[in-house]
Amino acid sequence: MVHLENFSAEILLLLFLIIVFLQSGIDKIFDWKGNVTWLKDHFSQTPLQKWVPFLLFTILIFETVSGILCGVGLLEIIVYGKAEYAFYGSVLSCISLLMLLFGQRLAKDYEGAKNIAVYFIPAIILVYILRT
């Protein structure tokens, strides 16, 4: 239980990122066609239009690996009191969010970009906490 007390903020933030990224990855897997259709329309006026399936697959991989690393990191904290995988998961989560932010800005979806920034804040806080 000592690890739970010493890492309470990290555990809560990791749970947040696990929920965000695993749910998003699962949604992309089970509704691939719907996501591709929506994103092709969303990026129809950008240079990314022809790359949507490839980029969606790339985001799927980044989000899923981020969620898995955060999950492994959560277990590592609880069992061993270490946070190596949690750090990697949180950094990869930030990279994933920056990729999404870039796409939203390119599509001139500023409201969507603002929503991604809300997710970026806890992710970057976790990176900061884990690096110290």
Protein backbone atom coordinates (compact mmCIF):
# COMPACT_ATOMS: atom_id res chain seq x y z
CA MET A 1 0.00 0.00 0.00
CA VAL A 2 2.98 2.33 0.43
CA HIS A 3 3.31 2.59 -3.35
CA LEU A 4 -0.32 3.70 -3.62
CA GLU A 5 0.28 6.50 -1.14
CA ASN A 6 3.60 7.59 -2.62
CA PHE A 7 2.35 7.53 -6.22
CA SER A 8 -1.30 8.57 -5.88
CA ALA A 9 -1.12 11.44 -8.39
CA GLU A 10 0.80 9.31 -10.88
CA ILE A 11 -1.69 6.45 -10.53
CA LEU A 12 -4.69 8.72 -11.10
CA LEU A 13 -3.10 10.38 -14.12
CA LEU A 14 -2.10 7.00 -15.55
CA LEU A 15 -5.67 5.76 -15.15
CA PHE A 16 -6.84 8.85 -17.01
CA LEU A 17 -4.45 8.20 -19.92
CA ILE A 18 -5.25 4.48 -20.00
CA ILE A 19 -8.96 5.23 -20.33
CA VAL A 20 -8.41 7.92 -22.97
CA PHE A 21 -6.03 6.00 -25.21
CA LEU A 22 -7.30 2.45 -24.92
CA GLN A 23 -10.89 3.58 -25.51
CA SER A 24 -9.80 5.63 -28.50
CA GLY A 25 -7.77 2.76 -29.94
CA ILE A 26 -10.60 0.28 -29.42
CA ASP A 27 -13.03 2.69 -31.11
CA LYS A 28 -10.73 2.98 -34.12
CA ILE A 29 -10.46 -0.81 -34.38
CA PHE A 30 -14.20 -1.53 -34.10
CA ASP A 31 -15.35 1.42 -36.21
CA TRP A 32 -12.49 1.67 -38.70
CA LYS A 33 -14.74 2.37 -41.68
CA GLY A 34 -16.71 5.07 -39.87
CA ASN A 35 -13.54 6.76 -38.67
CA VAL A 36 -11.96 6.72 -42.14
CA THR A 37 -15.13 8.11 -43.73
CA TRP A 38 -15.44 10.91 -41.17
CA LEU A 39 -11.75 11.79 -41.31
CA LYS A 40 -11.62 11.87 -45.12
CA ASP A 41 -14.36 14.47 -45.01
CA HIS A 42 -12.71 16.31 -42.09
CA PHE A 43 -9.39 16.54 -43.96
CA SER A 44 -10.86 17.01 -47.45
CA GLN A 45 -9.38 20.50 -47.78
CA THR A 46 -5.92 19.58 -46.51
CA PRO A 47 -2.84 17.86 -47.92
CA LEU A 48 -3.59 14.94 -45.57
CA GLN A 49 -6.74 13.90 -47.47
CA LYS A 50 -5.06 11.08 -49.42
CA TRP A 51 -3.17 9.87 -46.35
CA VAL A 52 -6.12 9.43 -43.98
CA PRO A 53 -6.09 5.59 -43.71
CA PHE A 54 -2.32 5.48 -43.18
CA LEU A 55 -2.38 8.32 -40.66
CA LEU A 56 -5.35 6.81 -38.83
CA PHE A 57 -3.45 3.53 -38.56
CA THR A 58 -0.40 5.41 -37.27
CA ILE A 59 -2.50 7.19 -34.63
CA LEU A 60 -4.14 3.88 -33.72
CA ILE A 61 -0.72 2.33 -33.06
CA PHE A 62 0.53 5.32 -31.05
CA GLU A 63 -2.63 5.55 -28.94
CA THR A 64 -2.81 1.82 -28.27
CA VAL A 65 0.86 1.53 -27.36
CA SER A 66 0.52 4.63 -25.16
CA GLY A 67 -2.40 3.07 -23.29
CA ILE A 68 -0.60 -0.26 -22.92
CA LEU A 69 2.60 1.37 -21.67
CA CYS A 70 0.61 3.41 -19.17
CA GLY A 71 -1.11 0.21 -18.03
CA VAL A 72 2.19 -1.61 -17.61
CA GLY A 73 3.55 1.46 -15.87
CA LEU A 74 0.61 1.47 -13.49
CA LEU A 75 1.29 -2.15 -12.58
CA GLU A 76 5.01 -1.44 -12.27
CA ILE A 77 4.29 1.37 -9.80
CA ILE A 78 1.87 -0.71 -7.73
CA VAL A 79 4.10 -3.80 -7.61
CA TYR A 80 7.65 -2.41 -7.63
CA GLY A 81 7.35 1.28 -6.85
CA LYS A 82 9.12 2.11 -10.12
CA ALA A 83 7.80 4.30 -12.91
CA GLU A 84 9.96 3.62 -15.98
CA TYR A 85 7.15 2.33 -18.22
CA ALA A 86 4.79 4.96 -16.87
CA PHE A 87 7.23 7.63 -18.02
CA TYR A 88 7.50 6.10 -21.50
CA GLY A 89 3.72 5.80 -21.71
CA SER A 90 3.18 9.39 -20.66
CA VAL A 91 5.75 10.71 -23.17
CA LEU A 92 4.19 8.64 -25.96
CA SER A 93 0.77 9.92 -24.89
CA CYS A 94 2.01 13.50 -25.30
CA ILE A 95 3.43 12.68 -28.73
CA SER A 96 0.09 11.12 -29.74
CA LEU A 97 -1.78 14.21 -28.61
CA LEU A 98 0.62 16.48 -30.48
CA MET A 99 0.01 14.47 -33.64
CA LEU A 100 -3.74 14.86 -33.17
CA LEU A 101 -3.33 18.57 -32.44
CA PHE A 102 -1.33 19.04 -35.63
CA GLY A 103 -4.10 17.43 -37.65
CA GLN A 104 -6.81 19.53 -36.06
CA ARG A 105 -4.89 22.73 -36.65
CA LEU A 106 -4.18 21.77 -40.26
CA ALA A 107 -7.90 21.08 -40.76
CA LYS A 108 -8.59 24.48 -39.17
CA ASP A 109 -10.72 22.78 -36.52
CA TYR A 110 -9.69 25.12 -33.75
CA GLU A 111 -12.39 23.92 -31.37
CA GLY A 112 -11.14 20.33 -31.79
CA ALA A 113 -7.58 21.51 -31.24
CA LYS A 114 -8.66 23.26 -28.05
CA ASN A 115 -10.23 20.02 -26.82
CA ILE A 116 -6.98 18.13 -27.43
CA ALA A 117 -5.12 20.73 -25.37
CA VAL A 118 -7.35 19.80 -22.43
CA TYR A 119 -6.03 16.21 -22.65
CA PHE A 120 -2.45 17.40 -23.12
CA ILE A 121 -2.37 19.23 -19.78
CA PRO A 122 -2.66 16.14 -17.52
CA ALA A 123 -0.36 14.16 -19.83
CA ILE A 124 2.42 16.75 -19.66
CA ILE A 125 1.93 17.11 -15.90
CA LEU A 126 2.49 13.36 -15.60
CA VAL A 127 5.68 13.58 -17.68
CA TYR A 128 6.89 16.36 -15.39
CA ILE A 129 6.07 14.44 -12.21
CA LEU A 130 7.70 11.24 -13.45
CA ARG A 131 10.92 12.85 -14.66
CA THR A 132 11.75 14.21 -11.21
